[in-house]
Amino acid sequence: MKIALLGYGKMGKEIEKIALHRGHEIVLKVDENTQEYAITLADVAIEFSIPDKAVDNIKNCILNQVPVVSGTTGWIQHFDEVKKYCIEQNGAFIYASNYSLGVNLFFELNTQLAKLMHPFKDYQVSLEEIHHTQKLDAPSGTAISLAEQIIKNSEKTQWSLNPSSENDLLITAKREEHVPGTHSVFYKSAVDEIEIKHTAFNRQGFALGAVIAAEWLVDKKGVFGMKDVLGIK
């Protein structure tokens, strides 16, 4: 499989190593200094760039009928626009805020716990995420995904870094050196606390998931997520 890497930072380099190990070929490496490139050289693109470039990168792939897997966060306000464009162009697109297998299982655990906790009003729910200091967006896309799952299954109406109402779900975002990503969900009452937590030890899990998603997406049409890739109902 011929892969284009749209974004060649730390994640792009990790994806390259795993893709080569799995027998694929990297035909394009696009970074902030790349002026022009021929995306049609690739069978599939893996996009881990920056929020300001993500939408243009994804649309360019879709326009040229190159399936694209995107893991860039911080642009999700444009997701419906990109989804509509992909359907209109009969393209192929996967977006996930996190491609780690463990995180996607954690998403399912988070959803089930939120449903279980919903009747128990004595417990107050909150989130915390910790990432490396180079991460540009806060809160993380993974934290937002976790928050949205809780909001769907609770009386919270929105997430906030600075809650002004009891209906706001607090997300605490911390930036520390050398932290690939840690996400915790807390349910706290006057007598006890329930916590679920996912800790990434390195970037390899994110990169492997993105390559597996790219392998799955080739020859498909539509807009998908990691649930589709992993066969999670």
C-alpha atoms as a PDB file:
ATOM      1  CA  MET A   1       0.000   0.000   0.000  1.00  0.00           C
ATOM      2  CA  LYS A   2       1.324   3.452  -0.957  1.00  0.00           C
ATOM      3  CA  ILE A   3       0.830   5.924   1.882  1.00  0.00           C
ATOM      4  CA  ALA A   4       0.985   9.729   1.953  1.00  0.00           C
ATOM      5  CA  LEU A   5       1.837  11.266   5.323  1.00  0.00           C
ATOM      6  CA  LEU A   6       0.184  14.665   5.658  1.00  0.00           C
ATOM      7  CA  GLY A   7       2.050  15.995   8.661  1.00  0.00           C
ATOM      8  CA  TYR A   8       5.541  14.733   9.390  1.00  0.00           C
ATOM      9  CA  GLY A   9       6.037  15.580  13.038  1.00  0.00           C
ATOM     10  CA  LYS A  10       6.519  13.094  15.868  1.00  0.00           C
ATOM     11  CA  MET A  11       3.317  11.225  15.043  1.00  0.00           C
ATOM     12  CA  GLY A  12       4.087  11.186  11.336  1.00  0.00           C
ATOM     13  CA  LYS A  13       7.509   9.677  11.985  1.00  0.00           C
ATOM     14  CA  GLU A  14       6.031   7.042  14.307  1.00  0.00           C
ATOM     15  CA  ILE A  15       3.397   6.158  11.689  1.00  0.00           C
ATOM     16  CA  GLU A  16       6.159   5.875   9.070  1.00  0.00           C
ATOM     17  CA  LYS A  17       8.091   3.330  11.159  1.00  0.00           C
ATOM     18  CA  ILE A  18       5.037   1.165  11.767  1.00  0.00           C
ATOM     19  CA  ALA A  19       3.821   1.402   8.148  1.00  0.00           C
ATOM     20  CA  LEU A  20       7.227   0.332   6.809  1.00  0.00           C
ATOM     21  CA  HIS A  21       7.366  -2.517   9.323  1.00  0.00           C
ATOM     22  CA  ARG A  22       3.967  -3.700   8.066  1.00  0.00           C
ATOM     23  CA  GLY A  23       5.241  -3.763   4.472  1.00  0.00           C
ATOM     24  CA  HIS A  24       3.831  -0.479   3.165  1.00  0.00           C
ATOM     25  CA  GLU A  25       5.560   2.246   1.151  1.00  0.00           C
ATOM     26  CA  ILE A  26       5.671   5.937   2.075  1.00  0.00           C
ATOM     27  CA  VAL A  27       5.356   7.896  -1.182  1.00  0.00           C
ATOM     28  CA  LEU A  28       4.774  11.394   0.261  1.00  0.00           C
ATOM     29  CA  LYS A  29       5.896  13.221   3.405  1.00  0.00           C
ATOM     30  CA  VAL A  30       4.178  16.608   3.629  1.00  0.00           C
ATOM     31  CA  ASP A  31       5.176  19.094   6.313  1.00  0.00           C
ATOM     32  CA  GLU A  32       4.858  22.856   6.841  1.00  0.00           C
ATOM     33  CA  ASN A  33       7.607  23.504   4.284  1.00  0.00           C
ATOM     34  CA  THR A  34       5.968  21.508   1.468  1.00  0.00           C
ATOM     35  CA  GLN A  35       4.584  23.837  -1.213  1.00  0.00           C
ATOM     36  CA  GLU A  36       3.035  21.443  -3.726  1.00  0.00           C
ATOM     37  CA  TYR A  37       2.532  17.692  -3.835  1.00  0.00           C
ATOM     38  CA  ALA A  38       0.731  15.083  -5.934  1.00  0.00           C
ATOM     39  CA  ILE A  39      -1.636  13.326  -3.548  1.00  0.00           C
ATOM     40  CA  THR A  40      -2.721  10.915  -6.290  1.00  0.00           C
ATOM     41  CA  LEU A  41       0.611   9.107  -5.934  1.00  0.00           C
ATOM     42  CA  ALA A  42      -0.867   7.501  -2.815  1.00  0.00           C
ATOM     43  CA  ASP A  43      -3.388   4.715  -2.279  1.00  0.00           C
ATOM     44  CA  VAL A  44      -4.322   6.275   1.064  1.00  0.00           C
ATOM     45  CA  ALA A  45      -3.365   9.324   3.138  1.00  0.00           C
ATOM     46  CA  ILE A  46      -2.797   9.537   6.880  1.00  0.00           C
ATOM     47  CA  GLU A  47      -3.296  13.088   8.128  1.00  0.00           C
ATOM     48  CA  PHE A  48      -1.729  14.236  11.411  1.00  0.00           C
ATOM     49  CA  SER A  49      -1.015  17.900  10.732  1.00  0.00           C
ATOM     50  CA  ILE A  50      -2.218  21.007  12.588  1.00  0.00           C
ATOM     51  CA  PRO A  51      -5.777  22.310  13.125  1.00  0.00           C
ATOM     52  CA  ASP A  52      -5.422  25.144  10.580  1.00  0.00           C
ATOM     53  CA  LYS A  53      -4.375  22.742   7.792  1.00  0.00           C
ATOM     54  CA  ALA A  54      -6.562  19.725   8.512  1.00  0.00           C
ATOM     55  CA  VAL A  55      -9.726  20.651   6.608  1.00  0.00           C
ATOM     56  CA  ASP A  56      -7.857  21.640   3.426  1.00  0.00           C
ATOM     57  CA  ASN A  57      -5.725  18.489   3.607  1.00  0.00           C
ATOM     58  CA  ILE A  58      -8.738  16.230   4.030  1.00  0.00           C
ATOM     59  CA  LYS A  59     -10.787  17.902   1.302  1.00  0.00           C
ATOM     60  CA  ASN A  60      -7.856  17.717  -1.113  1.00  0.00           C
ATOM     61  CA  CYS A  61      -7.652  13.965  -0.573  1.00  0.00           C
ATOM     62  CA  ILE A  62     -11.400  13.511  -0.995  1.00  0.00           C
ATOM     63  CA  LEU A  63     -11.450  15.655  -4.156  1.00  0.00           C
ATOM     64  CA  ASN A  64      -8.727  13.444  -5.657  1.00  0.00           C
ATOM     65  CA  GLN A  65     -10.410  10.200  -4.568  1.00  0.00           C
ATOM     66  CA  VAL A  66      -7.639   9.296  -2.143  1.00  0.00           C
ATOM     67  CA  PRO A  67      -9.011   7.706   1.052  1.00  0.00           C
ATOM     68  CA  VAL A  68      -7.907   9.715   4.075  1.00  0.00           C
ATOM     69  CA  VAL A  69      -7.457   8.866   7.740  1.00  0.00           C
ATOM     70  CA  SER A  70      -7.267  11.955   9.956  1.00  0.00           C
ATOM     71  CA  GLY A  71      -6.119  12.158  13.557  1.00  0.00           C
ATOM     72  CA  THR A  72      -5.623  15.913  13.773  1.00  0.00           C
ATOM     73  CA  THR A  73      -7.675  17.454  16.566  1.00  0.00           C
ATOM     74  CA  GLY A  74      -8.798  21.040  17.143  1.00  0.00           C
ATOM     75  CA  TRP A  75     -10.811  21.395  13.898  1.00  0.00           C
ATOM     76  CA  ILE A  76     -13.896  19.350  14.841  1.00  0.00           C
ATOM     77  CA  GLN A  77     -16.239  22.341  14.503  1.00  0.00           C
ATOM     78  CA  HIS A  78     -15.895  21.759  10.734  1.00  0.00           C
ATOM     79  CA  PHE A  79     -16.608  18.012  10.882  1.00  0.00           C
ATOM     80  CA  ASP A  80     -20.162  18.210   9.498  1.00  0.00           C
ATOM     81  CA  GLU A  81     -18.908  20.303   6.581  1.00  0.00           C
ATOM     82  CA  VAL A  82     -16.176  17.753   5.774  1.00  0.00           C
ATOM     83  CA  LYS A  83     -18.570  14.827   6.185  1.00  0.00           C
ATOM     84  CA  LYS A  84     -21.042  16.422   3.746  1.00  0.00           C
ATOM     85  CA  TYR A  85     -18.221  17.104   1.266  1.00  0.00           C
ATOM     86  CA  CYS A  86     -17.025  13.496   1.485  1.00  0.00           C
ATOM     87  CA  ILE A  87     -20.510  12.137   0.788  1.00  0.00           C
ATOM     88  CA  GLU A  88     -21.030  14.554  -2.129  1.00  0.00           C
ATOM     89  CA  GLN A  89     -17.689  13.531  -3.670  1.00  0.00           C
ATOM     90  CA  ASN A  90     -18.229   9.809  -2.975  1.00  0.00           C
ATOM     91  CA  GLY A  91     -14.988   9.779  -1.021  1.00  0.00           C
ATOM     92  CA  ALA A  92     -13.611   7.756   1.863  1.00  0.00           C
ATOM     93  CA  PHE A  93     -12.761   9.306   5.222  1.00  0.00           C
ATOM     94  CA  ILE A  94     -12.068   8.171   8.772  1.00  0.00           C
ATOM     95  CA  TYR A  95     -11.777  10.586  11.670  1.00  0.00           C
ATOM     96  CA  ALA A  96     -10.952   9.633  15.236  1.00  0.00           C
ATOM     97  CA  SER A  97      -9.805  11.833  18.082  1.00  0.00           C
ATOM     98  CA  ASN A  98      -7.629   8.886  19.121  1.00  0.00           C
ATOM     99  CA  TYR A  99      -6.623   5.772  17.155  1.00  0.00           C
ATOM    100  CA  SER A 100      -5.341   3.734  20.093  1.00  0.00           C
ATOM    101  CA  LEU A 101      -7.102   0.388  20.516  1.00  0.00           C
ATOM    102  CA  GLY A 102      -7.004   0.864  24.287  1.00  0.00           C
ATOM    103  CA  VAL A 103      -8.557   4.324  24.091  1.00  0.00           C
ATOM    104  CA  ASN A 104     -11.384   3.108  21.873  1.00  0.00           C
ATOM    105  CA  LEU A 105     -12.144   0.348  24.368  1.00  0.00           C
ATOM    106  CA  PHE A 106     -11.964   3.046  27.067  1.00  0.00           C
ATOM    107  CA  PHE A 107     -14.573   5.034  25.119  1.00  0.00           C
ATOM    108  CA  GLU A 108     -16.948   2.069  25.342  1.00  0.00           C
ATOM    109  CA  LEU A 109     -16.259   1.660  29.064  1.00  0.00           C
ATOM    110  CA  ASN A 110     -16.878   5.399  29.583  1.00  0.00           C
ATOM    111  CA  THR A 111     -20.231   5.248  27.787  1.00  0.00           C
ATOM    112  CA  GLN A 112     -21.393   2.230  29.775  1.00  0.00           C
ATOM    113  CA  LEU A 113     -20.298   3.772  33.077  1.00  0.00           C
ATOM    114  CA  ALA A 114     -22.131   7.022  32.255  1.00  0.00           C
ATOM    115  CA  LYS A 115     -25.323   5.055  31.613  1.00  0.00           C
ATOM    116  CA  LEU A 116     -24.860   3.133  34.859  1.00  0.00           C
ATOM    117  CA  MET A 117     -24.220   6.283  36.917  1.00  0.00           C
ATOM    118  CA  HIS A 118     -27.065   8.351  35.475  1.00  0.00           C
ATOM    119  CA  PRO A 119     -29.663   7.485  38.169  1.00  0.00           C
ATOM    120  CA  PHE A 120     -27.237   8.223  41.022  1.00  0.00           C
ATOM    121  CA  LYS A 121     -27.431  11.996  41.476  1.00  0.00           C
ATOM    122  CA  ASP A 122     -25.101  12.122  44.489  1.00  0.00           C
ATOM    123  CA  TYR A 123     -22.128  11.583  42.184  1.00  0.00           C
ATOM    124  CA  GLN A 124     -20.596  14.543  40.350  1.00  0.00           C
ATOM    125  CA  VAL A 125     -18.725  13.708  37.158  1.00  0.00           C
ATOM    126  CA  SER A 126     -15.594  15.443  35.868  1.00  0.00           C
ATOM    127  CA  LEU A 127     -12.736  14.795  33.450  1.00  0.00           C
ATOM    128  CA  GLU A 128      -8.991  15.377  33.483  1.00  0.00           C
ATOM    129  CA  GLU A 129      -6.538  15.121  30.607  1.00  0.00           C
ATOM    130  CA  ILE A 130      -2.743  15.474  30.695  1.00  0.00           C
ATOM    131  CA  HIS A 131      -0.574  15.856  27.583  1.00  0.00           C
ATOM    132  CA  HIS A 132       2.904  16.938  26.545  1.00  0.00           C
ATOM    133  CA  THR A 133       3.623  20.654  26.344  1.00  0.00           C
ATOM    134  CA  GLN A 134       3.809  20.605  22.516  1.00  0.00           C
ATOM    135  CA  LYS A 135       0.117  19.764  22.158  1.00  0.00           C
ATOM    136  CA  LEU A 136      -1.589  22.774  20.549  1.00  0.00           C
ATOM    137  CA  ASP A 137      -5.241  22.261  21.500  1.00  0.00           C
ATOM    138  CA  ALA A 138      -6.852  22.052  24.931  1.00  0.00           C
ATOM    139  CA  PRO A 139      -8.812  20.133  25.934  1.00  0.00           C
ATOM    140  CA  SER A 140      -7.673  17.191  23.852  1.00  0.00           C
ATOM    141  CA  GLY A 141      -9.891  15.708  21.180  1.00  0.00           C
ATOM    142  CA  THR A 142     -10.000  12.511  23.224  1.00  0.00           C
ATOM    143  CA  ALA A 143     -11.254  14.411  26.279  1.00  0.00           C
ATOM    144  CA  ILE A 144     -13.943  16.061  24.156  1.00  0.00           C
ATOM    145  CA  SER A 145     -15.026  12.646  22.849  1.00  0.00           C
ATOM    146  CA  LEU A 146     -15.239  11.343  26.413  1.00  0.00           C
ATOM    147  CA  ALA A 147     -17.212  14.427  27.449  1.00  0.00           C
ATOM    148  CA  GLU A 148     -19.675  14.057  24.576  1.00  0.00           C
ATOM    149  CA  GLN A 149     -20.306  10.425  25.533  1.00  0.00           C
ATOM    150  CA  ILE A 150     -21.050  11.476  29.124  1.00  0.00           C
ATOM    151  CA  ILE A 151     -23.287  14.368  28.030  1.00  0.00           C
ATOM    152  CA  LYS A 152     -25.394  11.982  25.917  1.00  0.00           C
ATOM    153  CA  ASN A 153     -25.964   9.818  28.968  1.00  0.00           C
ATOM    154  CA  SER A 154     -26.320  12.365  31.778  1.00  0.00           C
ATOM    155  CA  GLU A 155     -27.953  15.681  32.632  1.00  0.00           C
ATOM    156  CA  LYS A 156     -24.850  17.649  31.656  1.00  0.00           C
ATOM    157  CA  THR A 157     -25.531  19.915  28.687  1.00  0.00           C
ATOM    158  CA  GLN A 158     -22.017  20.983  27.650  1.00  0.00           C
ATOM    159  CA  TRP A 159     -18.374  20.622  28.627  1.00  0.00           C
ATOM    160  CA  SER A 160     -16.269  23.537  29.852  1.00  0.00           C
ATOM    161  CA  LEU A 161     -12.765  24.316  31.071  1.00  0.00           C
ATOM    162  CA  ASN A 162     -14.373  26.944  33.326  1.00  0.00           C
ATOM    163  CA  PRO A 163     -17.859  25.753  34.351  1.00  0.00           C
ATOM    164  CA  SER A 164     -20.422  28.426  35.185  1.00  0.00           C
ATOM    165  CA  SER A 165     -23.365  26.093  35.798  1.00  0.00           C
ATOM    166  CA  GLU A 166     -23.985  22.746  37.445  1.00  0.00           C
ATOM    167  CA  ASN A 167     -25.023  21.529  33.995  1.00  0.00           C
ATOM    168  CA  ASP A 168     -21.482  22.140  32.695  1.00  0.00           C
ATOM    169  CA  LEU A 169     -19.113  19.182  32.638  1.00  0.00           C
ATOM    170  CA  LEU A 170     -15.683  20.203  33.941  1.00  0.00           C
ATOM    171  CA  ILE A 171     -12.636  19.222  31.892  1.00  0.00           C
ATOM    172  CA  THR A 172      -9.274  19.951  33.505  1.00  0.00           C
ATOM    173  CA  ALA A 173      -6.488  20.169  30.900  1.00  0.00           C
ATOM    174  CA  LYS A 174      -2.873  19.934  32.051  1.00  0.00           C
ATOM    175  CA  ARG A 175       0.335  20.205  30.028  1.00  0.00           C
ATOM    176  CA  GLU A 176       3.449  18.455  31.326  1.00  0.00           C
ATOM    177  CA  GLU A 177       6.732  17.353  29.753  1.00  0.00           C
ATOM    178  CA  HIS A 178       6.937  13.895  28.180  1.00  0.00           C
ATOM    179  CA  VAL A 179       3.301  12.831  28.688  1.00  0.00           C
ATOM    180  CA  PRO A 180       1.884  11.098  25.564  1.00  0.00           C
ATOM    181  CA  GLY A 181      -1.671  11.239  26.931  1.00  0.00           C
ATOM    182  CA  THR A 182      -3.531  10.441  30.145  1.00  0.00           C
ATOM    183  CA  HIS A 183      -7.320  10.662  30.495  1.00  0.00           C
ATOM    184  CA  SER A 184      -9.337  10.173  33.682  1.00  0.00           C
ATOM    185  CA  VAL A 185     -13.062  10.262  34.415  1.00  0.00           C
ATOM    186  CA  PHE A 186     -14.185  10.797  38.003  1.00  0.00           C
ATOM    187  CA  TYR A 187     -17.535  10.242  39.716  1.00  0.00           C
ATOM    188  CA  LYS A 188     -17.285  11.754  43.190  1.00  0.00           C
ATOM    189  CA  SER A 189     -19.778  11.768  46.055  1.00  0.00           C
ATOM    190  CA  ALA A 190     -19.516  12.777  49.724  1.00  0.00           C
ATOM    191  CA  VAL A 191     -18.525   9.235  50.665  1.00  0.00           C
ATOM    192  CA  ASP A 192     -16.461   7.824  47.799  1.00  0.00           C
ATOM    193  CA  GLU A 193     -15.122   8.229  44.284  1.00  0.00           C
ATOM    194  CA  ILE A 194     -15.138   6.053  41.180  1.00  0.00           C
ATOM    195  CA  GLU A 195     -12.350   6.619  38.647  1.00  0.00           C
ATOM    196  CA  ILE A 196     -11.568   5.137  35.251  1.00  0.00           C
ATOM    197  CA  LYS A 197      -8.278   6.027  33.596  1.00  0.00           C
ATOM    198  CA  HIS A 198      -6.343   5.421  30.402  1.00  0.00           C
ATOM    199  CA  THR A 199      -2.608   6.098  30.314  1.00  0.00           C
ATOM    200  CA  ALA A 200      -0.625   5.969  27.067  1.00  0.00           C
ATOM    201  CA  PHE A 201       3.031   5.016  27.538  1.00  0.00           C
ATOM    202  CA  ASN A 202       4.157   6.165  24.073  1.00  0.00           C
ATOM    203  CA  ARG A 203       2.861   7.108  20.608  1.00  0.00           C
ATOM    204  CA  GLN A 204       3.095   3.607  19.143  1.00  0.00           C
ATOM    205  CA  GLY A 205      -0.482   2.666  20.004  1.00  0.00           C
ATOM    206  CA  PHE A 206      -1.844   5.788  18.270  1.00  0.00           C
ATOM    207  CA  ALA A 207       0.325   5.192  15.192  1.00  0.00           C
ATOM    208  CA  LEU A 208      -0.516   1.494  14.887  1.00  0.00           C
ATOM    209  CA  GLY A 209      -4.228   2.234  15.076  1.00  0.00           C
ATOM    210  CA  ALA A 210      -3.939   4.863  12.338  1.00  0.00           C
ATOM    211  CA  VAL A 211      -2.143   2.436  10.017  1.00  0.00           C
ATOM    212  CA  ILE A 212      -4.701  -0.307  10.721  1.00  0.00           C
ATOM    213  CA  ALA A 213      -7.456   2.225   9.944  1.00  0.00           C
ATOM    214  CA  ALA A 214      -5.759   3.113   6.643  1.00  0.00           C
ATOM    215  CA  GLU A 215      -5.487  -0.570   5.701  1.00  0.00           C
ATOM    216  CA  TRP A 216      -9.199  -1.010   6.459  1.00  0.00           C
ATOM    217  CA  LEU A 217     -10.334   2.106   4.545  1.00  0.00           C
ATOM    218  CA  VAL A 218      -8.809   1.301   1.147  1.00  0.00           C
ATOM    219  CA  ASP A 219     -11.520   0.291  -1.384  1.00  0.00           C
ATOM    220  CA  LYS A 220     -14.342   1.647   0.806  1.00  0.00           C
ATOM    221  CA  LYS A 221     -16.593   4.680   0.371  1.00  0.00           C
ATOM    222  CA  GLY A 222     -18.165   6.755   3.117  1.00  0.00           C
ATOM    223  CA  VAL A 223     -17.409   8.381   6.458  1.00  0.00           C
ATOM    224  CA  PHE A 224     -16.288   6.076   9.251  1.00  0.00           C
ATOM    225  CA  GLY A 225     -14.862   5.945  12.753  1.00  0.00           C
ATOM    226  CA  MET A 226     -12.763   3.539  14.795  1.00  0.00           C
ATOM    227  CA  LYS A 227     -15.880   1.625  15.860  1.00  0.00           C
ATOM    228  CA  ASP A 228     -16.244   0.586  12.225  1.00  0.00           C
ATOM    229  CA  VAL A 229     -12.573  -0.361  11.940  1.00  0.00           C
ATOM    230  CA  LEU A 230     -12.630  -2.431  15.134  1.00  0.00           C
ATOM    231  CA  GLY A 231     -16.081  -3.930  14.602  1.00  0.00           C
ATOM    232  CA  ILE A 232     -17.463  -2.486  17.847  1.00  0.00           C
ATOM    233  CA  LYS A 233     -21.266  -2.514  17.808  1.00  0.00           C
END
